[in-house]
């Protein structure tokens, strides 16, 4: 899939652990892990909004389109 998930990068920049983010946005650590590894088939806008709010970032900081990954 040509969508690259850079959630680990943002977590590192914010010095936050996955469990802290999961608790802050109200999803399980397992579901967050699926998203972080790029195995998720979809993400709800409400989840994306919550992630961006907590990490103080834009969706483009987390998700990137990489044509070469096809």
C-alpha atoms as a PDB file:
ATOM      1  CA  UNK A   1       0.000   0.000   0.000  1.00  0.00           C
ATOM      2  CA  UNK A   2       1.459   3.375  -0.941  1.00  0.00           C
ATOM      3  CA  UNK A   3       0.361   5.049   2.304  1.00  0.00           C
ATOM      4  CA  UNK A   4       3.193   5.349   4.811  1.00  0.00           C
ATOM      5  CA  UNK A   5       2.330   5.780   8.490  1.00  0.00           C
ATOM      6  CA  UNK A   6       4.819   7.940  10.416  1.00  0.00           C
ATOM      7  CA  UNK A   7       3.157   7.697  13.801  1.00  0.00           C
ATOM      8  CA  UNK A   8       6.331   6.372  15.469  1.00  0.00           C
ATOM      9  CA  UNK A   9       8.193   9.464  14.300  1.00  0.00           C
ATOM     10  CA  UNK A  10       5.617  11.807  15.830  1.00  0.00           C
ATOM     11  CA  UNK A  11       5.514   9.807  19.060  1.00  0.00           C
ATOM     12  CA  UNK A  12       9.299  10.074  19.324  1.00  0.00           C
ATOM     13  CA  UNK A  13       9.227  13.821  18.620  1.00  0.00           C
ATOM     14  CA  UNK A  14       6.639  14.294  21.370  1.00  0.00           C
ATOM     15  CA  UNK A  15       8.458  11.888  23.724  1.00  0.00           C
ATOM     16  CA  UNK A  16       5.239   9.947  24.168  1.00  0.00           C
ATOM     17  CA  UNK A  17       4.687   6.199  24.453  1.00  0.00           C
ATOM     18  CA  UNK A  18       2.093   4.296  22.460  1.00  0.00           C
ATOM     19  CA  UNK A  19       0.164   3.373  25.582  1.00  0.00           C
ATOM     20  CA  UNK A  20      -0.098   7.051  26.566  1.00  0.00           C
ATOM     21  CA  UNK A  21      -1.467   7.989  23.140  1.00  0.00           C
ATOM     22  CA  UNK A  22      -3.878   5.051  23.104  1.00  0.00           C
ATOM     23  CA  UNK A  23      -5.271   6.047  26.492  1.00  0.00           C
ATOM     24  CA  UNK A  24      -5.509   9.723  25.500  1.00  0.00           C
ATOM     25  CA  UNK A  25      -7.500   9.016  22.326  1.00  0.00           C
ATOM     26  CA  UNK A  26      -9.570   6.121  23.657  1.00  0.00           C
ATOM     27  CA  UNK A  27      -8.409   3.178  21.543  1.00  0.00           C
ATOM     28  CA  UNK A  28      -6.669  -0.039  22.476  1.00  0.00           C
ATOM     29  CA  UNK A  29      -2.905  -0.374  22.279  1.00  0.00           C
ATOM     30  CA  UNK A  30      -3.487  -3.273  19.865  1.00  0.00           C
ATOM     31  CA  UNK A  31      -5.468  -1.088  17.459  1.00  0.00           C
ATOM     32  CA  UNK A  32      -2.874   1.657  17.712  1.00  0.00           C
ATOM     33  CA  UNK A  33      -0.168  -0.894  16.919  1.00  0.00           C
ATOM     34  CA  UNK A  34      -2.081  -2.029  13.828  1.00  0.00           C
ATOM     35  CA  UNK A  35      -2.247   1.574  12.696  1.00  0.00           C
ATOM     36  CA  UNK A  36       1.441   2.239  13.457  1.00  0.00           C
ATOM     37  CA  UNK A  37       2.610  -0.764  11.444  1.00  0.00           C
ATOM     38  CA  UNK A  38       0.556   0.241   8.413  1.00  0.00           C
ATOM     39  CA  UNK A  39      -1.621  -2.875   8.609  1.00  0.00           C
ATOM     40  CA  UNK A  40      -4.848  -0.923   9.142  1.00  0.00           C
ATOM     41  CA  UNK A  41      -7.173  -0.838   6.158  1.00  0.00           C
ATOM     42  CA  UNK A  42      -8.891   2.342   7.317  1.00  0.00           C
ATOM     43  CA  UNK A  43      -8.838   5.040   9.969  1.00  0.00           C
ATOM     44  CA  UNK A  44     -11.803   7.013  11.195  1.00  0.00           C
ATOM     45  CA  UNK A  45     -11.568  10.757  10.852  1.00  0.00           C
ATOM     46  CA  UNK A  46     -12.486  11.071  14.528  1.00  0.00           C
ATOM     47  CA  UNK A  47      -9.485   8.886  15.446  1.00  0.00           C
ATOM     48  CA  UNK A  48      -7.183  10.839  13.144  1.00  0.00           C
ATOM     49  CA  UNK A  49      -8.473  14.089  14.621  1.00  0.00           C
ATOM     50  CA  UNK A  50      -7.864  12.837  18.165  1.00  0.00           C
ATOM     51  CA  UNK A  51      -4.314  11.735  17.296  1.00  0.00           C
ATOM     52  CA  UNK A  52      -3.561  15.113  15.733  1.00  0.00           C
ATOM     53  CA  UNK A  53      -5.020  16.947  18.718  1.00  0.00           C
ATOM     54  CA  UNK A  54      -2.975  14.991  21.266  1.00  0.00           C
ATOM     55  CA  UNK A  55       0.263  15.072  19.242  1.00  0.00           C
ATOM     56  CA  UNK A  56      -0.326  18.685  18.125  1.00  0.00           C
ATOM     57  CA  UNK A  57       0.299  17.866  14.480  1.00  0.00           C
ATOM     58  CA  UNK A  58      -1.358  17.736  11.071  1.00  0.00           C
ATOM     59  CA  UNK A  59      -2.610  14.571   9.306  1.00  0.00           C
ATOM     60  CA  UNK A  60       0.242  14.985   6.807  1.00  0.00           C
ATOM     61  CA  UNK A  61       2.718  14.631   9.660  1.00  0.00           C
ATOM     62  CA  UNK A  62       1.361  11.134  10.295  1.00  0.00           C
ATOM     63  CA  UNK A  63       0.321   9.894   6.848  1.00  0.00           C
ATOM     64  CA  UNK A  64       2.260  10.203   3.609  1.00  0.00           C
ATOM     65  CA  UNK A  65       1.582   8.980   0.076  1.00  0.00           C
ATOM     66  CA  UNK A  66       4.599   7.198  -1.371  1.00  0.00           C
ATOM     67  CA  UNK A  67       4.028   6.107  -4.944  1.00  0.00           C
ATOM     68  CA  UNK A  68       7.179   3.946  -4.895  1.00  0.00           C
ATOM     69  CA  UNK A  69       5.716   1.686  -2.191  1.00  0.00           C
ATOM     70  CA  UNK A  70       3.238   0.097  -4.628  1.00  0.00           C
END
